[in-house]
Amino acid sequence: MNRLIVAVLCGLLFGAGMVVSDMINPARVLAFLDVTGAWDTSLAFVMGGALIPSAIAYLTRRRMDAPVAADTFHVPESRIIDTPLVGGAVLFGLGWGLVGLCPGPALAALTTGAWQAFVFVGALVAGMALFRLTLDRNA
């Protein structure tokens, strides 16, 4: 139960950060990606600001045997860049560039009631279900 509470609080904090920084606004994200037009650099500052708690977390992890709300750290050990990793990154980048949303901000955007967020999250869930079906079939 403790892990669930921590996860919900972290998710709420992340979502609030996305709303406050207006990263749930696809137009702002698309303006950041438009480097040859009316380039909006605000997303760069949000990303740069996110490096600070991330760096602190990495430094803190090195000094801890286990996380506060779990028995062990779950850190990927593989450093191999393979086809699924590159394919996933390409799909993510294409979707982000075409729509201006990625999964985290899209979930936070559901709070605004924007139909685009509901379409995006619906497609996201459908894609995860399709992956799960094909993963089970290939196993």
Protein backbone atom coordinates (compact mmCIF):
# COMPACT_ATOMS: atom_id res chain seq x y z
CA MET A 1 0.00 0.00 0.00
CA ASN A 2 2.91 2.31 0.77
CA ARG A 3 4.27 1.89 -2.79
CA LEU A 4 0.86 2.73 -4.26
CA ILE A 5 0.62 5.94 -2.25
CA VAL A 6 4.13 6.99 -3.28
CA ALA A 7 3.36 6.19 -6.94
CA VAL A 8 0.11 8.18 -6.89
CA LEU A 9 1.79 11.16 -5.21
CA CYS A 10 4.65 11.10 -7.74
CA GLY A 11 2.17 10.88 -10.61
CA LEU A 12 0.15 13.79 -9.24
CA LEU A 13 3.30 15.87 -8.81
CA PHE A 14 4.42 15.07 -12.37
CA GLY A 15 0.97 15.86 -13.77
CA ALA A 16 0.81 19.14 -11.86
CA GLY A 17 4.22 20.06 -13.25
CA MET A 18 3.01 19.35 -16.78
CA VAL A 19 -0.07 21.51 -16.24
CA VAL A 20 1.82 24.39 -14.59
CA SER A 21 4.49 24.41 -17.32
CA ASP A 22 1.75 24.19 -20.00
CA MET A 23 3.37 21.11 -21.54
CA ILE A 24 -0.12 19.64 -21.91
CA ASN A 25 -0.65 22.19 -24.67
CA PRO A 26 0.26 20.50 -27.98
CA ALA A 27 0.70 23.91 -29.64
CA ARG A 28 3.49 24.79 -27.19
CA VAL A 29 5.30 21.51 -27.84
CA LEU A 30 4.92 21.83 -31.61
CA ALA A 31 6.23 25.41 -31.42
CA PHE A 32 9.32 24.07 -29.61
CA LEU A 33 9.88 21.55 -32.39
CA ASP A 34 9.53 24.27 -35.06
CA VAL A 35 13.12 25.51 -34.85
CA THR A 36 12.95 27.28 -38.23
CA GLY A 37 9.73 29.16 -37.47
CA ALA A 38 8.36 30.81 -34.34
CA TRP A 39 10.53 28.73 -32.01
CA ASP A 40 9.26 28.56 -28.42
CA THR A 41 12.20 27.66 -26.15
CA SER A 42 10.10 27.17 -22.98
CA LEU A 43 10.14 23.36 -23.31
CA ALA A 44 13.94 23.44 -23.27
CA PHE A 45 13.80 25.18 -19.88
CA VAL A 46 11.29 22.60 -18.59
CA MET A 47 13.57 19.76 -19.76
CA GLY A 48 16.63 21.48 -18.33
CA GLY A 49 14.85 22.04 -15.02
CA ALA A 50 13.93 18.35 -14.93
CA LEU A 51 17.62 17.46 -15.01
CA ILE A 52 18.12 18.88 -11.52
CA PRO A 53 15.87 16.44 -9.57
CA SER A 54 16.95 13.65 -11.91
CA ALA A 55 20.62 14.26 -11.13
CA ILE A 56 19.86 14.42 -7.41
CA ALA A 57 17.96 11.11 -7.67
CA TYR A 58 20.88 9.40 -9.45
CA LEU A 59 23.35 10.68 -6.85
CA THR A 60 21.06 9.63 -4.00
CA ARG A 61 20.55 6.17 -5.51
CA ARG A 62 24.29 5.51 -5.44
CA ARG A 63 24.27 5.98 -1.65
CA MET A 64 21.21 3.81 -0.94
CA ASP A 65 20.89 0.03 -0.74
CA ALA A 66 17.17 0.09 -1.60
CA PRO A 67 14.52 2.68 -2.43
CA VAL A 68 12.25 4.02 0.30
CA ALA A 69 9.12 2.18 -0.88
CA ALA A 70 10.54 -1.00 -2.45
CA ASP A 71 12.94 -3.84 -1.72
CA THR A 72 15.31 -3.21 -4.63
CA PHE A 73 16.04 -0.69 -7.36
CA HIS A 74 14.77 -1.66 -10.80
CA VAL A 75 17.39 -0.23 -13.11
CA PRO A 76 17.87 -1.60 -16.63
CA GLU A 77 21.22 -3.32 -16.86
CA SER A 78 21.38 -3.68 -20.64
CA ARG A 79 23.10 -0.93 -22.55
CA ILE A 80 22.50 -2.56 -25.93
CA ILE A 81 20.89 -0.39 -28.58
CA ASP A 82 18.74 -2.83 -30.54
CA THR A 83 16.00 -2.64 -33.16
CA PRO A 84 13.06 -2.56 -30.71
CA LEU A 85 14.67 0.31 -28.79
CA VAL A 86 15.37 2.35 -31.93
CA GLY A 87 11.95 1.52 -33.40
CA GLY A 88 10.21 2.59 -30.21
CA ALA A 89 12.20 5.82 -30.06
CA VAL A 90 11.33 6.59 -33.70
CA LEU A 91 7.63 5.91 -33.12
CA PHE A 92 7.66 8.05 -29.99
CA GLY A 93 9.41 10.91 -31.78
CA LEU A 94 7.09 10.76 -34.78
CA GLY A 95 4.00 10.75 -32.60
CA TRP A 96 5.32 13.57 -30.45
CA GLY A 97 6.24 15.65 -33.49
CA LEU A 98 2.96 15.05 -35.32
CA VAL A 99 0.58 15.51 -32.39
CA GLY A 100 2.52 17.48 -29.77
CA LEU A 101 1.64 15.04 -26.97
CA CYS A 102 3.46 12.21 -25.28
CA PRO A 103 1.97 9.78 -22.77
CA GLY A 104 2.59 11.65 -19.49
CA PRO A 105 1.34 15.07 -20.57
CA ALA A 106 -1.53 13.42 -22.47
CA LEU A 107 -2.78 11.81 -19.27
CA ALA A 108 -2.49 15.15 -17.49
CA ALA A 109 -4.32 16.82 -20.41
CA LEU A 110 -7.32 14.56 -19.76
CA THR A 111 -8.09 16.86 -16.82
CA THR A 112 -8.79 19.68 -19.28
CA GLY A 113 -11.48 17.70 -21.11
CA ALA A 114 -9.83 18.34 -24.50
CA TRP A 115 -11.10 15.78 -27.01
CA GLN A 116 -7.64 15.51 -28.57
CA ALA A 117 -6.24 14.17 -25.31
CA PHE A 118 -8.97 11.53 -25.14
CA VAL A 119 -8.28 10.46 -28.74
CA PHE A 120 -4.55 10.29 -28.04
CA VAL A 121 -4.95 8.29 -24.82
CA GLY A 122 -7.44 5.97 -26.55
CA ALA A 123 -4.92 5.31 -29.32
CA LEU A 124 -2.21 4.85 -26.68
CA VAL A 125 -4.26 2.20 -24.86
CA ALA A 126 -5.12 0.49 -28.16
CA GLY A 127 -1.43 0.42 -29.10
CA MET A 128 -0.47 -1.09 -25.75
CA ALA A 129 -3.19 -3.74 -26.12
CA LEU A 130 -2.04 -4.54 -29.66
CA PHE A 131 1.55 -4.86 -28.44
CA ARG A 132 0.44 -7.14 -25.61
CA LEU A 133 -1.48 -9.34 -28.08
CA THR A 134 1.47 -9.60 -30.46
CA LEU A 135 3.91 -10.14 -27.60
CA ASP A 136 1.83 -13.06 -26.31
CA ARG A 137 1.59 -14.51 -29.81
CA ASN A 138 5.36 -14.27 -30.40
CA ALA A 139 6.28 -15.74 -27.02
